[in-house]
Amino acid sequence: MATQKFSEDILEQCTLYTSCEPCLMCTGAFRWSGIRQLVYALSYERLEKYADADGPFSCRPFLSSPQFTVIGPILEDEAVKIHQTYWSRFTS
């Protein structure tokens, strides 16, 4: 894990990139990691249409702090294609 390999000073300068907005558990891991910037492609609202997900699990309320920079959704239409293909195997 990055938290075991790198110092806090290094982690604070890192950016985590992910294909979709993190779930609550991933958001917790992100907060504890020391990484301060997150970039995601697909919003939770759009992911819900393809994945078997329940409830409002957006990470945004838990990362709305000046210590975090959250960028997203970006390239959402491209991310939809990937997730639609992936999740169709489980929800068909």
PDB file of N, CA and C in Angstrom:
ATOM      1  N   MET A   1       0.828  -1.191   0.000  1.00  0.00           N
ATOM      2  CA  MET A   1       0.000   0.000   0.000  1.00  0.00           C
ATOM      3  C   MET A   1       0.865   1.244   0.000  1.00  0.00           C
ATOM      4  N   ALA A   2       0.332   2.281  -0.606  1.00  0.00           N
ATOM      5  CA  ALA A   2       1.054   3.555  -0.669  1.00  0.00           C
ATOM      6  C   ALA A   2       1.334   4.112   0.719  1.00  0.00           C
ATOM      7  N   THR A   3       0.414   3.908   1.652  1.00  0.00           N
ATOM      8  CA  THR A   3       0.600   4.465   2.997  1.00  0.00           C
ATOM      9  C   THR A   3       1.763   3.819   3.730  1.00  0.00           C
ATOM     10  N   GLN A   4       2.110   2.602   3.365  1.00  0.00           N
ATOM     11  CA  GLN A   4       3.242   1.924   3.990  1.00  0.00           C
ATOM     12  C   GLN A   4       4.558   2.239   3.286  1.00  0.00           C
ATOM     13  N   LYS A   5       4.460   2.631   2.036  1.00  0.00           N
ATOM     14  CA  LYS A   5       5.664   2.848   1.240  1.00  0.00           C
ATOM     15  C   LYS A   5       6.142   4.300   1.253  1.00  0.00           C
ATOM     16  N   PHE A   6       5.208   5.245   1.366  1.00  0.00           N
ATOM     17  CA  PHE A   6       5.557   6.656   1.228  1.00  0.00           C
ATOM     18  C   PHE A   6       5.268   7.437   2.503  1.00  0.00           C
ATOM     19  N   SER A   7       6.001   8.512   2.690  1.00  0.00           N
ATOM     20  CA  SER A   7       5.796   9.386   3.851  1.00  0.00           C
ATOM     21  C   SER A   7       4.548  10.244   3.650  1.00  0.00           C
ATOM     22  N   GLU A   8       4.067  10.836   4.732  1.00  0.00           N
ATOM     23  CA  GLU A   8       2.908  11.732   4.649  1.00  0.00           C
ATOM     24  C   GLU A   8       3.182  12.893   3.707  1.00  0.00           C
ATOM     25  N   ASP A   9       4.404  13.408   3.720  1.00  0.00           N
ATOM     26  CA  ASP A   9       4.756  14.522   2.834  1.00  0.00           C
ATOM     27  C   ASP A   9       4.581  14.145   1.364  1.00  0.00           C
ATOM     28  N   ILE A  10       4.966  12.938   1.021  1.00  0.00           N
ATOM     29  CA  ILE A  10       4.811  12.465  -0.363  1.00  0.00           C
ATOM     30  C   ILE A  10       3.336  12.233  -0.674  1.00  0.00           C
ATOM     31  N   LEU A  11       2.621  11.562   0.216  1.00  0.00           N
ATOM     32  CA  LEU A  11       1.206  11.246  -0.019  1.00  0.00           C
ATOM     33  C   LEU A  11       0.371  12.509  -0.204  1.00  0.00           C
ATOM     34  N   GLU A  12       0.678  13.554   0.531  1.00  0.00           N
ATOM     35  CA  GLU A  12      -0.072  14.807   0.397  1.00  0.00           C
ATOM     36  C   GLU A  12       0.064  15.409  -0.996  1.00  0.00           C
ATOM     37  N   GLN A  13       1.105  15.042  -1.711  1.00  0.00           N
ATOM     38  CA  GLN A  13       1.333  15.568  -3.058  1.00  0.00           C
ATOM     39  C   GLN A  13       0.772  14.653  -4.148  1.00  0.00           C
ATOM     40  N   CYS A  14       0.270  13.492  -3.768  1.00  0.00           N
ATOM     41  CA  CYS A  14      -0.248  12.512  -4.730  1.00  0.00           C
ATOM     42  C   CYS A  14      -1.684  12.826  -5.129  1.00  0.00           C
ATOM     43  N   THR A  15      -2.084  12.268  -6.249  1.00  0.00           N
ATOM     44  CA  THR A  15      -3.459  12.346  -6.728  1.00  0.00           C
ATOM     45  C   THR A  15      -3.945  10.929  -6.974  1.00  0.00           C
ATOM     46  N   LEU A  16      -5.140  10.620  -6.492  1.00  0.00           N
ATOM     47  CA  LEU A  16      -5.768   9.322  -6.738  1.00  0.00           C
ATOM     48  C   LEU A  16      -6.731   9.478  -7.909  1.00  0.00           C
ATOM     49  N   TYR A  17      -6.552   8.667  -8.947  1.00  0.00           N
ATOM     50  CA  TYR A  17      -7.431   8.664 -10.111  1.00  0.00           C
ATOM     51  C   TYR A  17      -8.273   7.401 -10.062  1.00  0.00           C
ATOM     52  N   THR A  18      -9.574   7.545 -10.331  1.00  0.00           N
ATOM     53  CA  THR A  18     -10.464   6.391 -10.293  1.00  0.00           C
ATOM     54  C   THR A  18     -11.535   6.519 -11.373  1.00  0.00           C
ATOM     55  N   SER A  19     -12.037   5.379 -11.829  1.00  0.00           N
ATOM     56  CA  SER A  19     -13.010   5.383 -12.925  1.00  0.00           C
ATOM     57  C   SER A  19     -14.392   5.846 -12.489  1.00  0.00           C
ATOM     58  N   CYS A  20     -14.676   5.795 -11.192  1.00  0.00           N
ATOM     59  CA  CYS A  20     -15.979   6.268 -10.725  1.00  0.00           C
ATOM     60  C   CYS A  20     -15.839   6.894  -9.341  1.00  0.00           C
ATOM     61  N   GLU A  21     -16.844   7.640  -8.981  1.00  0.00           N
ATOM     62  CA  GLU A  21     -16.862   8.281  -7.669  1.00  0.00           C
ATOM     63  C   GLU A  21     -16.777   7.208  -6.592  1.00  0.00           C
ATOM     64  N   PRO A  22     -15.901   7.369  -5.628  1.00  0.00           N
ATOM     65  CA  PRO A  22     -15.705   6.322  -4.624  1.00  0.00           C
ATOM     66  C   PRO A  22     -16.940   6.071  -3.759  1.00  0.00           C
ATOM     67  N   CYS A  23     -17.103   4.823  -3.358  1.00  0.00           N
ATOM     68  CA  CYS A  23     -18.147   4.465  -2.398  1.00  0.00           C
ATOM     69  C   CYS A  23     -17.728   4.973  -1.018  1.00  0.00           C
ATOM     70  N   LEU A  24     -18.566   4.770  -0.033  1.00  0.00           N
ATOM     71  CA  LEU A  24     -18.254   5.262   1.311  1.00  0.00           C
ATOM     72  C   LEU A  24     -17.012   4.601   1.901  1.00  0.00           C
ATOM     73  N   MET A  25     -16.848   3.304   1.696  1.00  0.00           N
ATOM     74  CA  MET A  25     -15.667   2.626   2.249  1.00  0.00           C
ATOM     75  C   MET A  25     -14.392   3.108   1.567  1.00  0.00           C
ATOM     76  N   CYS A  26     -14.429   3.274   0.265  1.00  0.00           N
ATOM     77  CA  CYS A  26     -13.256   3.781  -0.451  1.00  0.00           C
ATOM     78  C   CYS A  26     -12.962   5.225  -0.055  1.00  0.00           C
ATOM     79  N   THR A  27     -14.012   5.996   0.185  1.00  0.00           N
ATOM     80  CA  THR A  27     -13.832   7.375   0.640  1.00  0.00           C
ATOM     81  C   THR A  27     -13.129   7.401   1.987  1.00  0.00           C
ATOM     82  N   GLY A  28     -13.517   6.508   2.884  1.00  0.00           N
ATOM     83  CA  GLY A  28     -12.853   6.422   4.184  1.00  0.00           C
ATOM     84  C   GLY A  28     -11.384   6.077   4.035  1.00  0.00           C
ATOM     85  N   ALA A  29     -11.078   5.115   3.171  1.00  0.00           N
ATOM     86  CA  ALA A  29      -9.682   4.738   2.938  1.00  0.00           C
ATOM     87  C   ALA A  29      -8.902   5.906   2.344  1.00  0.00           C
ATOM     88  N   PHE A  30      -9.534   6.629   1.446  1.00  0.00           N
ATOM     89  CA  PHE A  30      -8.893   7.802   0.846  1.00  0.00           C
ATOM     90  C   PHE A  30      -8.573   8.842   1.915  1.00  0.00           C
ATOM     91  N   ARG A  31      -9.532   9.127   2.770  1.00  0.00           N
ATOM     92  CA  ARG A  31      -9.316  10.133   3.823  1.00  0.00           C
ATOM     93  C   ARG A  31      -8.165   9.731   4.744  1.00  0.00           C
ATOM     94  N   TRP A  32      -8.092   8.462   5.096  1.00  0.00           N
ATOM     95  CA  TRP A  32      -7.049   7.986   6.002  1.00  0.00           C
ATOM     96  C   TRP A  32      -5.686   7.876   5.329  1.00  0.00           C
ATOM     97  N   SER A  33      -5.659   7.819   4.013  1.00  0.00           N
ATOM     98  CA  SER A  33      -4.401   7.595   3.292  1.00  0.00           C
ATOM     99  C   SER A  33      -3.431   8.764   3.361  1.00  0.00           C
ATOM    100  N   GLY A  34      -3.955   9.954   3.530  1.00  0.00           N
ATOM    101  CA  GLY A  34      -3.103  11.135   3.503  1.00  0.00           C
ATOM    102  C   GLY A  34      -3.053  11.794   2.136  1.00  0.00           C
ATOM    103  N   ILE A  35      -3.597  11.127   1.125  1.00  0.00           N
ATOM    104  CA  ILE A  35      -3.696  11.719  -0.207  1.00  0.00           C
ATOM    105  C   ILE A  35      -4.761  12.810  -0.136  1.00  0.00           C
ATOM    106  N   ARG A  36      -4.521  13.925  -0.786  1.00  0.00           N
ATOM    107  CA  ARG A  36      -5.430  15.062  -0.650  1.00  0.00           C
ATOM    108  C   ARG A  36      -6.173  15.425  -1.928  1.00  0.00           C
ATOM    109  N   GLN A  37      -5.831  14.780  -3.051  1.00  0.00           N
ATOM    110  CA  GLN A  37      -6.527  15.109  -4.292  1.00  0.00           C
ATOM    111  C   GLN A  37      -7.086  13.843  -4.926  1.00  0.00           C
ATOM    112  N   LEU A  38      -8.343  13.925  -5.355  1.00  0.00           N
ATOM    113  CA  LEU A  38      -9.060  12.805  -5.965  1.00  0.00           C
ATOM    114  C   LEU A  38      -9.645  13.268  -7.289  1.00  0.00           C
ATOM    115  N   VAL A  39      -9.451  12.471  -8.331  1.00  0.00           N
ATOM    116  CA  VAL A  39     -10.043  12.738  -9.638  1.00  0.00           C
ATOM    117  C   VAL A  39     -10.829  11.498 -10.033  1.00  0.00           C
ATOM    118  N   TYR A  40     -12.115  11.671 -10.349  1.00  0.00           N
ATOM    119  CA  TYR A  40     -12.928  10.521 -10.762  1.00  0.00           C
ATOM    120  C   TYR A  40     -13.672  10.836 -12.049  1.00  0.00           C
ATOM    121  N   ALA A  41     -13.979   9.785 -12.809  1.00  0.00           N
ATOM    122  CA  ALA A  41     -14.625   9.953 -14.105  1.00  0.00           C
ATOM    123  C   ALA A  41     -16.149   9.923 -14.005  1.00  0.00           C
ATOM    124  N   LEU A  42     -16.708   8.905 -13.408  1.00  0.00           N
ATOM    125  CA  LEU A  42     -18.153   8.673 -13.437  1.00  0.00           C
ATOM    126  C   LEU A  42     -18.788   9.004 -12.094  1.00  0.00           C
ATOM    127  N   SER A  43     -19.844   9.809 -12.114  1.00  0.00           N
ATOM    128  CA  SER A  43     -20.543  10.163 -10.874  1.00  0.00           C
ATOM    129  C   SER A  43     -21.333   8.969 -10.348  1.00  0.00           C
ATOM    130  N   TYR A  44     -21.585   8.996  -9.052  1.00  0.00           N
ATOM    131  CA  TYR A  44     -22.370   7.924  -8.446  1.00  0.00           C
ATOM    132  C   TYR A  44     -23.766   7.872  -9.063  1.00  0.00           C
ATOM    133  N   GLU A  45     -24.351   9.035  -9.340  1.00  0.00           N
ATOM    134  CA  GLU A  45     -25.706   9.072  -9.912  1.00  0.00           C
ATOM    135  C   GLU A  45     -25.771   8.329 -11.246  1.00  0.00           C
ATOM    136  N   ARG A  46     -24.772   8.485 -12.066  1.00  0.00           N
ATOM    137  CA  ARG A  46     -24.772   7.779 -13.355  1.00  0.00           C
ATOM    138  C   ARG A  46     -24.379   6.318 -13.187  1.00  0.00           C
ATOM    139  N   LEU A  47     -23.499   6.025 -12.255  1.00  0.00           N
ATOM    140  CA  LEU A  47     -23.110   4.637 -12.003  1.00  0.00           C
ATOM    141  C   LEU A  47     -24.305   3.806 -11.553  1.00  0.00           C
ATOM    142  N   GLU A  48     -25.186   4.398 -10.756  1.00  0.00           N
ATOM    143  CA  GLU A  48     -26.376   3.687 -10.254  1.00  0.00           C
ATOM    144  C   GLU A  48     -27.216   3.091 -11.374  1.00  0.00           C
ATOM    145  N   LYS A  49     -27.204   3.711 -12.540  1.00  0.00           N
ATOM    146  CA  LYS A  49     -28.009   3.234 -13.666  1.00  0.00           C
ATOM    147  C   LYS A  49     -27.502   1.902 -14.210  1.00  0.00           C
ATOM    148  N   TYR A  50     -26.235   1.591 -13.957  1.00  0.00           N
ATOM    149  CA  TYR A  50     -25.630   0.387 -14.526  1.00  0.00           C
ATOM    150  C   TYR A  50     -25.253  -0.647 -13.476  1.00  0.00           C
ATOM    151  N   ALA A  51     -24.919  -0.195 -12.300  1.00  0.00           N
ATOM    152  CA  ALA A  51     -24.502  -1.100 -11.228  1.00  0.00           C
ATOM    153  C   ALA A  51     -25.677  -1.374 -10.308  1.00  0.00           C
ATOM    154  N   ASP A  52     -25.614  -2.461  -9.604  1.00  0.00           N
ATOM    155  CA  ASP A  52     -26.647  -2.811  -8.633  1.00  0.00           C
ATOM    156  C   ASP A  52     -26.306  -2.108  -7.320  1.00  0.00           C
ATOM    157  N   ALA A  53     -26.669  -0.840  -7.236  1.00  0.00           N
ATOM    158  CA  ALA A  53     -26.307  -0.019  -6.071  1.00  0.00           C
ATOM    159  C   ALA A  53     -27.564   0.562  -5.442  1.00  0.00           C
ATOM    160  N   ASP A  54     -27.516   0.727  -4.140  1.00  0.00           N
ATOM    161  CA  ASP A  54     -28.651   1.292  -3.413  1.00  0.00           C
ATOM    162  C   ASP A  54     -28.219   2.541  -2.660  1.00  0.00           C
ATOM    163  N   GLY A  55     -29.130   3.487  -2.573  1.00  0.00           N
ATOM    164  CA  GLY A  55     -28.947   4.632  -1.694  1.00  0.00           C
ATOM    165  C   GLY A  55     -28.001   5.696  -2.197  1.00  0.00           C
ATOM    166  N   PRO A  56     -28.075   6.851  -1.565  1.00  0.00           N
ATOM    167  CA  PRO A  56     -27.197   7.967  -1.937  1.00  0.00           C
ATOM    168  C   PRO A  56     -25.817   7.784  -1.304  1.00  0.00           C
ATOM    169  N   PHE A  57     -24.906   7.215  -2.034  1.00  0.00           N
ATOM    170  CA  PHE A  57     -23.580   6.919  -1.484  1.00  0.00           C
ATOM    171  C   PHE A  57     -22.508   7.826  -2.061  1.00  0.00           C
ATOM    172  N   SER A  58     -22.861   9.007  -2.468  1.00  0.00           N
ATOM    173  CA  SER A  58     -21.884   9.931  -3.018  1.00  0.00           C
ATOM    174  C   SER A  58     -20.817  10.258  -1.980  1.00  0.00           C
ATOM    175  N   CYS A  59     -19.592  10.360  -2.433  1.00  0.00           N
ATOM    176  CA  CYS A  59     -18.485  10.705  -1.528  1.00  0.00           C
ATOM    177  C   CYS A  59     -18.424  12.193  -1.240  1.00  0.00           C
ATOM    178  N   ARG A  60     -19.095  12.991  -2.045  1.00  0.00           N
ATOM    179  CA  ARG A  60     -18.927  14.444  -1.956  1.00  0.00           C
ATOM    180  C   ARG A  60     -19.185  15.034  -0.578  1.00  0.00           C
ATOM    181  N   PRO A  61     -20.226  14.616   0.145  1.00  0.00           N
ATOM    182  CA  PRO A  61     -20.425  15.211   1.477  1.00  0.00           C
ATOM    183  C   PRO A  61     -19.278  14.924   2.446  1.00  0.00           C
ATOM    184  N   PHE A  62     -18.596  13.815   2.257  1.00  0.00           N
ATOM    185  CA  PHE A  62     -17.532  13.419   3.179  1.00  0.00           C
ATOM    186  C   PHE A  62     -16.173  14.000   2.804  1.00  0.00           C
ATOM    187  N   LEU A  63     -16.108  14.605   1.630  1.00  0.00           N
ATOM    188  CA  LEU A  63     -14.850  15.193   1.182  1.00  0.00           C
ATOM    189  C   LEU A  63     -14.965  16.696   0.966  1.00  0.00           C
ATOM    190  N   SER A  64     -16.061  17.280   1.437  1.00  0.00           N
ATOM    191  CA  SER A  64     -16.247  18.725   1.270  1.00  0.00           C
ATOM    192  C   SER A  64     -15.524  19.466   2.389  1.00  0.00           C
ATOM    193  N   SER A  65     -14.230  19.486   2.277  1.00  0.00           N
ATOM    194  CA  SER A  65     -13.359  20.113   3.262  1.00  0.00           C
ATOM    195  C   SER A  65     -12.220  20.786   2.508  1.00  0.00           C
ATOM    196  N   PRO A  66     -11.742  21.901   3.012  1.00  0.00           N
ATOM    197  CA  PRO A  66     -10.643  22.582   2.318  1.00  0.00           C
ATOM    198  C   PRO A  66      -9.371  21.736   2.198  1.00  0.00           C
ATOM    199  N   GLN A  67      -9.240  20.710   3.013  1.00  0.00           N
ATOM    200  CA  GLN A  67      -8.027  19.892   2.950  1.00  0.00           C
ATOM    201  C   GLN A  67      -8.036  18.923   1.772  1.00  0.00           C
ATOM    202  N   PHE A  68      -9.197  18.737   1.113  1.00  0.00           N
ATOM    203  CA  PHE A  68      -9.302  17.829  -0.026  1.00  0.00           C
ATOM    204  C   PHE A  68      -9.660  18.599  -1.290  1.00  0.00           C
ATOM    205  N   THR A  69      -9.118  18.141  -2.406  1.00  0.00           N
ATOM    206  CA  THR A  69      -9.515  18.641  -3.713  1.00  0.00           C
ATOM    207  C   THR A  69     -10.144  17.470  -4.451  1.00  0.00           C
ATOM    208  N   VAL A  70     -11.406  17.626  -4.831  1.00  0.00           N
ATOM    209  CA  VAL A  70     -12.117  16.569  -5.559  1.00  0.00           C
ATOM    210  C   VAL A  70     -12.482  17.119  -6.928  1.00  0.00           C
ATOM    211  N   ILE A  71     -12.038  16.432  -7.961  1.00  0.00           N
ATOM    212  CA  ILE A  71     -12.308  16.842  -9.333  1.00  0.00           C
ATOM    213  C   ILE A  71     -13.106  15.731  -9.995  1.00  0.00           C
ATOM    214  N   GLY A  72     -14.264  16.074 -10.480  1.00  0.00           N
ATOM    215  CA  GLY A  72     -15.087  15.083 -11.155  1.00  0.00           C
ATOM    216  C   GLY A  72     -16.547  15.461 -11.083  1.00  0.00           C
ATOM    217  N   PRO A  73     -17.313  14.872 -11.892  1.00  0.00           N
ATOM    218  CA  PRO A  73     -16.946  13.866 -12.886  1.00  0.00           C
ATOM    219  C   PRO A  73     -16.246  14.497 -14.095  1.00  0.00           C
ATOM    220  N   ILE A  74     -15.316  13.743 -14.666  1.00  0.00           N
ATOM    221  CA  ILE A  74     -14.652  14.143 -15.906  1.00  0.00           C
ATOM    222  C   ILE A  74     -14.689  12.950 -16.856  1.00  0.00           C
ATOM    223  N   LEU A  75     -14.763  13.212 -18.134  1.00  0.00           N
ATOM    224  CA  LEU A  75     -14.817  12.148 -19.151  1.00  0.00           C
ATOM    225  C   LEU A  75     -15.925  11.145 -18.836  1.00  0.00           C
ATOM    226  N   GLU A  76     -17.055  11.668 -18.385  1.00  0.00           N
ATOM    227  CA  GLU A  76     -18.129  10.799 -17.900  1.00  0.00           C
ATOM    228  C   GLU A  76     -18.713   9.914 -18.996  1.00  0.00           C
ATOM    229  N   ASP A  77     -18.881  10.437 -20.191  1.00  0.00           N
ATOM    230  CA  ASP A  77     -19.455   9.616 -21.266  1.00  0.00           C
ATOM    231  C   ASP A  77     -18.548   8.436 -21.620  1.00  0.00           C
ATOM    232  N   GLU A  78     -17.240   8.654 -21.595  1.00  0.00           N
ATOM    233  CA  GLU A  78     -16.303   7.568 -21.856  1.00  0.00           C
ATOM    234  C   GLU A  78     -16.359   6.527 -20.739  1.00  0.00           C
ATOM    235  N   ALA A  79     -16.457   6.991 -19.508  1.00  0.00           N
ATOM    236  CA  ALA A  79     -16.528   6.079 -18.359  1.00  0.00           C
ATOM    237  C   ALA A  79     -17.823   5.275 -18.370  1.00  0.00           C
ATOM    238  N   VAL A  80     -18.912   5.880 -18.834  1.00  0.00           N
ATOM    239  CA  VAL A  80     -20.194   5.168 -18.918  1.00  0.00           C
ATOM    240  C   VAL A  80     -20.041   3.926 -19.787  1.00  0.00           C
ATOM    241  N   LYS A  81     -19.382   4.062 -20.910  1.00  0.00           N
ATOM    242  CA  LYS A  81     -19.221   2.925 -21.825  1.00  0.00           C
ATOM    243  C   LYS A  81     -18.517   1.757 -21.137  1.00  0.00           C
ATOM    244  N   ILE A  82     -17.478   2.059 -20.393  1.00  0.00           N
ATOM    245  CA  ILE A  82     -16.722   1.012 -19.696  1.00  0.00           C
ATOM    246  C   ILE A  82     -17.576   0.348 -18.624  1.00  0.00           C
ATOM    247  N   HIS A  83     -18.220   1.157 -17.802  1.00  0.00           N
ATOM    248  CA  HIS A  83     -19.023   0.599 -16.707  1.00  0.00           C
ATOM    249  C   HIS A  83     -20.275  -0.102 -17.219  1.00  0.00           C
ATOM    250  N   GLN A  84     -20.873   0.419 -18.248  1.00  0.00           N
ATOM    251  CA  GLN A  84     -22.060  -0.222 -18.814  1.00  0.00           C
ATOM    252  C   GLN A  84     -21.709  -1.635 -19.288  1.00  0.00           C
ATOM    253  N   THR A  85     -20.603  -1.771 -19.976  1.00  0.00           N
ATOM    254  CA  THR A  85     -20.162  -3.087 -20.445  1.00  0.00           C
ATOM    255  C   THR A  85     -19.859  -4.008 -19.268  1.00  0.00           C
ATOM    256  N   TYR A  86     -19.129  -3.510 -18.291  1.00  0.00           N
ATOM    257  CA  TYR A  86     -18.751  -4.324 -17.135  1.00  0.00           C
ATOM    258  C   TYR A  86     -19.972  -4.775 -16.341  1.00  0.00           C
ATOM    259  N   TRP A  87     -20.824  -3.834 -15.941  1.00  0.00           N
ATOM    260  CA  TRP A  87     -21.942  -4.165 -15.054  1.00  0.00           C
ATOM    261  C   TRP A  87     -23.044  -4.952 -15.754  1.00  0.00           C
ATOM    262  N   SER A  88     -23.136  -4.882 -17.070  1.00  0.00           N
ATOM    263  CA  SER A  88     -24.174  -5.640 -17.780  1.00  0.00           C
ATOM    264  C   SER A  88     -23.981  -7.143 -17.595  1.00  0.00           C
ATOM    265  N   ARG A  89     -22.780  -7.576 -17.302  1.00  0.00           N
ATOM    266  CA  ARG A  89     -22.524  -9.006 -17.066  1.00  0.00           C
ATOM    267  C   ARG A  89     -23.166  -9.493 -15.770  1.00  0.00           C
ATOM    268  N   PHE A  90     -23.417  -8.597 -14.845  1.00  0.00           N
ATOM    269  CA  PHE A  90     -23.948  -8.977 -13.535  1.00  0.00           C
ATOM    270  C   PHE A  90     -25.422  -8.641 -13.354  1.00  0.00           C
ATOM    271  N   THR A  91     -25.940  -7.710 -14.135  1.00  0.00           N
ATOM    272  CA  THR A  91     -27.307  -7.244 -13.917  1.00  0.00           C
ATOM    273  C   THR A  91     -28.275  -7.692 -15.000  1.00  0.00           C
ATOM    274  N   SER A  92     -27.806  -8.445 -15.982  1.00  0.00           N
ATOM    275  CA  SER A  92     -28.695  -8.888 -17.069  1.00  0.00           C
ATOM    276  C   SER A  92     -29.532 -10.063 -16.644  1.00  0.00           C
TER     277      SER A  92
END
